Amino acid sequence: MHKAQRLVQLIMLVNERKKFTIQELADECGVSRRTMIRDLMELSELGVPLYSQTGPGGGYRVLREKVLPPISFTEHETMALFFACQSLRNYKSLPFTNEVDMALHKFFHYLSSELKQKIEQMQQRLVFWIPPHDIEVPFLRDLLESALEQRVITIVYEAATRRERMIQPLGIYTMNGLWYCQAYCFLAEDYRVFRVDRVKDFFDEGDQSKKIDMNGDHIEQWVMRMDESDMAELEVDLTSEGVRRCQSDLWLAPSIELNENGSGTIRTTMSSSFTTWAVHFFLGLGMEANVKQPQVVREQIKNKLHDLLSQYA
């Protein structure tokens, strides 16, 4: 076996094990103990984080994270990877910000000059615009790791009031530049969506005996999911400008019925939990939208307008 092939095999072997000895690896690779020591030293120089422990029961182990063996990419695959990372550039916070930057730096270093130039041109010509939010999300990574490991945790959440909640995260998603955590809330005894920037403290503790089985759930099933137990008819008349602005909303756009003159009508159902959002959204459209129902949204818009008129009287 050539040395390069042996080093690739060695990376895969050490990744599979929590702990190993030099002799074990030497026997599996069919080399001497001295050769294996040299190979492990080369792996360490390549960046594989090895740790050795002497004495009875000692041996080697890989620190922190696993290291992948060399992988070959075509030019189009390489462009696709940078294209995907380009879509994340305008997020102020990501679960793995430093790791993304480091991985791209390593990747970019080994590209040909021609491919580097193509990628730099793409970065100058292609932008995925995310609404800027100067909001800190210090517990984004913690919540994602809790979802991956399906741990019950305790958070301090600030909405109308600040209080502790014990939750079991299902997953994380992002929309319009903000991060959300879908989780089972043991206080509400139901699923809830939490804005990650409103998580003010995080305790990696919770009653693990309360853990519920979420293995059959997928985060995509819950994004923009409504509580179907309390639904109301939503009907809104729109001017042509109102249509244009509502077409930018992912939830409303499919429900717009267009007229020949460019105006339209929204006809769909909404959960009562969306009432506050609907009031502020359609109030912001001004004369471009006229909410016909539900009546509760219409009444709250009238009350808001009355309060606004009093404020500027």
Protein backbone atom coordinates (compact mmCIF):
# COMPACT_ATOMS: atom_id res chain seq x y z
CA MET A 1 0.00 0.00 0.00
CA HIS A 2 1.37 3.44 -0.96
CA LYS A 3 2.03 5.90 1.84
CA ALA A 4 -0.69 8.33 0.66
CA GLN A 5 -3.26 5.52 0.60
CA ARG A 6 -2.13 4.39 4.05
CA LEU A 7 -2.54 7.91 5.49
CA VAL A 8 -6.08 8.15 4.08
CA GLN A 9 -6.92 4.75 5.57
CA LEU A 10 -5.37 5.86 8.84
CA ILE A 11 -7.57 8.98 9.01
CA MET A 12 -10.65 6.80 8.56
CA LEU A 13 -9.46 4.34 11.20
CA VAL A 14 -8.80 6.96 13.89
CA ASN A 15 -12.14 8.61 13.14
CA GLU A 16 -13.97 5.37 13.85
CA ARG A 17 -12.47 4.89 17.32
CA LYS A 18 -12.54 6.79 20.55
CA LYS A 19 -9.22 5.27 21.57
CA PHE A 20 -6.48 3.15 19.96
CA THR A 21 -2.86 2.03 20.40
CA ILE A 22 0.05 2.25 17.98
CA GLN A 23 0.32 -1.52 17.79
CA GLU A 24 -3.38 -1.93 16.95
CA LEU A 25 -3.09 0.44 14.00
CA ALA A 26 0.23 -1.04 12.90
CA ASP A 27 -1.30 -4.52 12.78
CA GLU A 28 -4.34 -3.35 10.80
CA CYS A 29 -2.26 -1.42 8.28
CA GLY A 30 0.41 -4.13 8.02
CA VAL A 31 3.36 -1.90 8.94
CA SER A 32 5.92 -1.80 11.71
CA ARG A 33 5.39 0.04 14.97
CA ARG A 34 8.09 2.55 13.98
CA THR A 35 6.37 3.28 10.64
CA MET A 36 3.05 3.77 12.40
CA ILE A 37 4.63 6.29 14.81
CA ARG A 38 5.93 8.26 11.81
CA ASP A 39 2.50 8.12 10.14
CA LEU A 40 0.74 9.39 13.26
CA MET A 41 3.27 12.23 13.51
CA GLU A 42 2.47 13.17 9.89
CA LEU A 43 -1.26 13.12 10.63
CA SER A 44 -0.65 15.46 13.54
CA GLU A 45 1.31 17.83 11.27
CA LEU A 46 -1.60 17.74 8.80
CA GLY A 47 -3.91 19.02 11.54
CA VAL A 48 -5.45 15.84 12.93
CA PRO A 49 -5.80 16.67 16.67
CA LEU A 50 -4.23 13.56 18.28
CA TYR A 51 -3.72 13.16 22.02
CA SER A 52 -1.46 10.53 23.58
CA GLN A 53 -1.66 9.09 27.08
CA THR A 54 1.16 6.98 28.53
CA GLY A 55 1.08 4.20 31.10
CA PRO A 56 -1.28 1.25 31.63
CA GLY A 57 -4.51 1.71 29.73
CA GLY A 58 -2.92 4.50 27.70
CA GLY A 59 -3.01 5.04 23.96
CA TYR A 60 -4.08 7.65 21.41
CA ARG A 61 -7.37 9.39 20.79
CA VAL A 62 -8.66 12.16 18.50
CA LEU A 63 -9.51 15.40 20.28
CA ARG A 64 -12.64 17.46 19.71
CA GLU A 65 -13.86 16.68 16.21
CA LYS A 66 -13.44 14.02 13.57
CA VAL A 67 -11.29 14.80 10.52
CA LEU A 68 -12.46 13.75 7.06
CA PRO A 69 -10.17 11.99 4.61
CA PRO A 70 -9.24 13.86 1.40
CA ILE A 71 -12.22 14.40 -0.90
CA SER A 72 -12.04 15.27 -4.61
CA PHE A 73 -14.35 17.92 -6.06
CA THR A 74 -15.09 18.85 -9.65
CA GLU A 75 -15.01 22.50 -10.68
CA HIS A 76 -18.82 22.72 -10.68
CA GLU A 77 -19.04 21.05 -7.25
CA THR A 78 -16.54 23.58 -5.91
CA MET A 79 -18.54 26.49 -7.33
CA ALA A 80 -21.70 25.02 -5.81
CA LEU A 81 -20.13 24.90 -2.33
CA PHE A 82 -19.05 28.54 -2.50
CA PHE A 83 -22.45 29.43 -3.97
CA ALA A 84 -24.13 27.86 -0.91
CA CYS A 85 -21.84 29.72 1.49
CA GLN A 86 -22.48 32.96 -0.40
CA SER A 87 -26.15 32.69 0.58
CA LEU A 88 -25.13 32.94 4.26
CA ARG A 89 -22.85 35.98 4.02
CA ASN A 90 -25.38 38.55 5.23
CA TYR A 91 -26.39 36.64 8.35
CA LYS A 92 -24.86 38.33 11.36
CA SER A 93 -25.01 35.07 13.33
CA LEU A 94 -24.74 31.43 12.28
CA PRO A 95 -24.45 28.29 14.41
CA PHE A 96 -20.99 27.59 12.95
CA THR A 97 -19.67 30.99 11.82
CA ASN A 98 -16.00 30.42 12.64
CA GLU A 99 -16.01 26.90 11.24
CA VAL A 100 -17.51 28.09 7.93
CA ASP A 101 -14.84 30.78 7.57
CA MET A 102 -12.02 28.38 8.43
CA ALA A 103 -13.30 25.67 6.08
CA LEU A 104 -13.60 28.10 3.16
CA HIS A 105 -10.14 29.50 3.88
CA LYS A 106 -8.61 26.00 3.74
CA PHE A 107 -10.64 25.13 0.66
CA PHE A 108 -9.78 28.34 -1.20
CA HIS A 109 -6.05 27.89 -0.56
CA TYR A 110 -5.82 24.77 -2.76
CA LEU A 111 -7.85 26.01 -5.74
CA SER A 112 -6.32 26.90 -9.09
CA SER A 113 -5.82 30.58 -9.92
CA GLU A 114 -8.52 30.38 -12.59
CA LEU A 115 -11.08 28.89 -10.20
CA LYS A 116 -10.19 31.40 -7.49
CA GLN A 117 -10.85 34.21 -9.96
CA LYS A 118 -14.25 32.74 -10.92
CA ILE A 119 -15.29 32.46 -7.27
CA GLU A 120 -14.15 36.01 -6.49
CA GLN A 121 -16.17 37.26 -9.47
CA MET A 122 -19.21 35.33 -8.25
CA GLN A 123 -18.88 36.91 -4.80
CA GLN A 124 -18.85 40.36 -6.43
CA ARG A 125 -21.79 39.68 -8.76
CA LEU A 126 -24.13 37.52 -6.69
CA VAL A 127 -25.81 38.57 -3.45
CA PHE A 128 -28.45 36.80 -1.35
CA TRP A 129 -29.97 39.73 0.49
CA ILE A 130 -31.09 39.12 4.08
CA PRO A 131 -32.81 41.94 6.01
CA PRO A 132 -30.16 43.27 8.42
CA HIS A 133 -30.91 42.75 12.11
CA ASP A 134 -28.47 44.10 14.66
CA ILE A 135 -29.59 41.47 17.16
CA GLU A 136 -27.42 39.14 19.19
CA VAL A 137 -28.28 35.43 19.31
CA PRO A 138 -25.72 34.05 21.79
CA PHE A 139 -27.54 30.75 22.34
CA LEU A 140 -28.16 29.81 18.69
CA ARG A 141 -25.56 27.06 18.66
CA ASP A 142 -26.61 25.75 22.09
CA LEU A 143 -30.22 25.39 20.94
CA LEU A 144 -29.18 23.63 17.74
CA GLU A 145 -26.99 21.16 19.64
CA SER A 146 -29.85 20.53 22.09
CA ALA A 147 -32.16 19.78 19.14
CA LEU A 148 -29.60 17.42 17.60
CA GLU A 149 -29.18 15.55 20.88
CA GLN A 150 -32.87 15.85 21.82
CA ARG A 151 -32.10 17.19 25.29
CA VAL A 152 -34.58 18.80 27.65
CA ILE A 153 -33.17 22.21 28.63
CA THR A 154 -34.17 25.31 30.58
CA ILE A 155 -34.15 28.79 29.01
CA VAL A 156 -34.98 32.28 30.21
CA TYR A 157 -37.30 33.68 27.53
CA GLU A 158 -38.31 37.31 27.19
CA ALA A 159 -41.57 38.14 25.39
CA ALA A 160 -44.28 40.17 27.13
CA THR A 161 -42.65 39.01 30.38
CA ARG A 162 -39.39 37.28 31.24
CA ARG A 163 -39.68 33.79 32.66
CA GLU A 164 -37.99 30.42 32.75
CA ARG A 165 -39.27 27.69 30.49
CA MET A 166 -38.27 24.06 30.24
CA ILE A 167 -38.29 23.02 26.58
CA GLN A 168 -37.20 20.23 24.26
CA PRO A 169 -36.05 21.79 20.96
CA LEU A 170 -37.21 20.15 17.76
CA GLY A 171 -35.05 22.26 15.46
CA ILE A 172 -33.92 25.67 14.26
CA TYR A 173 -35.00 27.63 11.20
CA THR A 174 -34.39 31.10 9.85
CA MET A 175 -36.82 33.44 8.09
CA ASN A 176 -36.39 37.07 7.02
CA GLY A 177 -33.03 37.27 8.78
CA LEU A 178 -34.33 36.10 12.18
CA TRP A 179 -33.75 32.73 13.87
CA TYR A 180 -36.53 30.66 15.40
CA CYS A 181 -36.55 27.54 17.55
CA GLN A 182 -39.47 25.12 17.35
CA ALA A 183 -39.73 23.24 20.63
CA TYR A 184 -42.06 21.39 22.95
CA CYS A 185 -42.72 23.67 25.93
CA PHE A 186 -43.42 21.80 29.16
CA LEU A 187 -44.95 24.95 30.69
CA ALA A 188 -47.57 25.27 27.92
CA GLU A 189 -47.71 21.49 27.44
CA ASP A 190 -47.65 22.06 23.68
CA TYR A 191 -45.35 22.97 20.81
CA ARG A 192 -44.24 26.60 20.65
CA VAL A 193 -42.00 28.76 18.45
CA PHE A 194 -39.34 30.81 20.24
CA ARG A 195 -37.41 33.73 18.74
CA VAL A 196 -33.79 32.81 19.42
CA ASP A 197 -32.72 36.41 20.08
CA ARG A 198 -35.28 36.53 22.92
CA VAL A 199 -33.56 33.66 24.74
CA LYS A 200 -31.71 35.60 27.45
CA ASP A 201 -30.15 32.68 29.31
CA PHE A 202 -29.59 29.00 28.75
CA PHE A 203 -29.18 26.18 31.25
CA ASP A 204 -28.11 22.80 29.99
CA GLU A 205 -30.35 21.16 32.50
CA GLY A 206 -33.88 19.84 32.55
CA ASP A 207 -35.85 16.87 33.69
CA GLN A 208 -34.65 14.30 31.14
CA SER A 209 -37.32 11.89 32.37
CA LYS A 210 -39.89 14.17 30.68
CA LYS A 211 -38.27 13.78 27.28
CA ILE A 212 -40.77 13.12 24.50
CA ASP A 213 -40.14 11.15 21.31
CA MET A 214 -39.57 13.56 18.41
CA ASN A 215 -37.80 11.14 16.08
CA GLY A 216 -40.72 11.11 13.67
CA ASP A 217 -40.92 14.90 13.48
CA HIS A 218 -39.11 17.07 10.95
CA ILE A 219 -38.54 20.80 11.44
CA GLU A 220 -39.89 21.59 7.93
CA GLN A 221 -43.28 20.21 8.96
CA TRP A 222 -43.52 22.92 11.62
CA VAL A 223 -42.30 26.03 9.80
CA MET A 224 -45.22 28.46 9.51
CA ARG A 225 -47.52 25.77 10.89
CA MET A 226 -50.75 27.08 12.39
CA ASP A 227 -52.79 25.91 15.32
CA GLU A 228 -55.71 24.30 13.48
CA SER A 229 -57.87 24.10 16.60
CA ASP A 230 -58.97 27.75 16.35
CA MET A 231 -59.16 28.90 12.73
CA ALA A 232 -60.88 31.93 11.21
CA GLU A 233 -61.62 33.05 7.66
CA LEU A 234 -59.30 35.78 6.40
CA GLU A 235 -60.62 37.99 3.60
CA VAL A 236 -58.81 41.15 2.50
CA ASP A 237 -59.44 43.35 -0.54
CA LEU A 238 -56.24 44.70 -2.09
CA THR A 239 -55.39 47.45 -4.54
CA SER A 240 -52.83 46.62 -7.24
CA GLU A 241 -50.13 48.04 -4.96
CA GLY A 242 -51.47 45.95 -2.09
CA VAL A 243 -51.27 42.87 -4.30
CA ARG A 244 -47.67 43.65 -5.17
CA ARG A 245 -46.67 44.02 -1.53
CA CYS A 246 -48.57 40.93 -0.35
CA GLN A 247 -46.99 38.83 -3.08
CA SER A 248 -43.70 39.29 -1.22
CA ASP A 249 -45.11 37.44 1.79
CA LEU A 250 -44.53 33.68 1.57
CA TRP A 251 -47.71 32.80 3.42
CA LEU A 252 -50.13 35.27 1.79
CA ALA A 253 -48.93 35.07 -1.82
CA PRO A 254 -50.60 31.72 -2.73
CA SER A 255 -53.97 32.96 -1.39
CA ILE A 256 -54.28 36.06 -3.60
CA GLU A 257 -57.05 35.96 -6.22
CA LEU A 258 -56.19 38.46 -8.96
CA ASN A 259 -58.62 40.68 -10.87
CA GLU A 260 -58.16 41.90 -14.44
CA ASN A 261 -57.33 45.43 -13.29
CA GLY A 262 -54.46 44.20 -11.08
CA SER A 263 -56.32 44.40 -7.78
CA GLY A 264 -57.07 41.26 -5.81
CA THR A 265 -58.50 39.54 -2.77
CA ILE A 266 -56.90 37.35 -0.15
CA ARG A 267 -59.05 34.38 0.84
CA THR A 268 -57.58 31.87 3.27
CA THR A 269 -57.80 30.71 6.87
CA MET A 270 -55.64 31.82 9.76
CA SER A 271 -55.09 30.78 13.35
CA SER A 272 -56.21 33.15 16.08
CA SER A 273 -52.57 33.21 17.21
CA PHE A 274 -51.82 35.22 14.02
CA THR A 275 -54.25 38.00 14.96
CA THR A 276 -51.64 40.45 16.29
CA TRP A 277 -49.42 39.88 13.28
CA ALA A 278 -52.33 40.40 10.86
CA VAL A 279 -53.37 43.67 12.57
CA HIS A 280 -49.89 45.17 12.28
CA PHE A 281 -49.26 43.83 8.78
CA PHE A 282 -52.45 45.10 7.15
CA LEU A 283 -52.40 48.33 9.13
CA GLY A 284 -48.97 48.92 7.61
CA LEU A 285 -50.47 48.61 4.12
CA GLY A 286 -52.71 51.62 4.79
CA MET A 287 -55.23 52.30 2.02
CA GLU A 288 -53.83 49.43 -0.07
CA ALA A 289 -55.70 46.83 2.02
CA ASN A 290 -59.23 46.54 3.43
CA VAL A 291 -59.73 43.68 5.90
CA LYS A 292 -63.25 42.29 5.60
CA GLN A 293 -62.85 39.43 8.07
CA PRO A 294 -62.20 38.14 10.64
CA GLN A 295 -64.03 40.81 12.57
CA VAL A 296 -61.54 40.75 15.44
CA VAL A 297 -58.73 41.89 13.11
CA ARG A 298 -60.93 44.58 11.60
CA GLU A 299 -61.93 45.89 15.04
CA GLN A 300 -58.37 45.95 16.33
CA ILE A 301 -57.22 47.91 13.26
CA LYS A 302 -60.00 50.45 13.90
CA ASN A 303 -58.92 50.78 17.53
CA LYS A 304 -55.27 51.22 16.51
CA LEU A 305 -56.25 53.95 14.04
CA HIS A 306 -58.33 55.69 16.72
CA ASP A 307 -55.39 55.64 19.14
CA LEU A 308 -53.08 56.88 16.41
CA LEU A 309 -55.44 59.76 15.57
CA SER A 310 -55.57 60.73 19.25
CA GLN A 311 -51.79 60.67 19.48
CA TYR A 312 -51.40 63.07 16.56
CA ALA A 313 -54.43 65.24 17.31
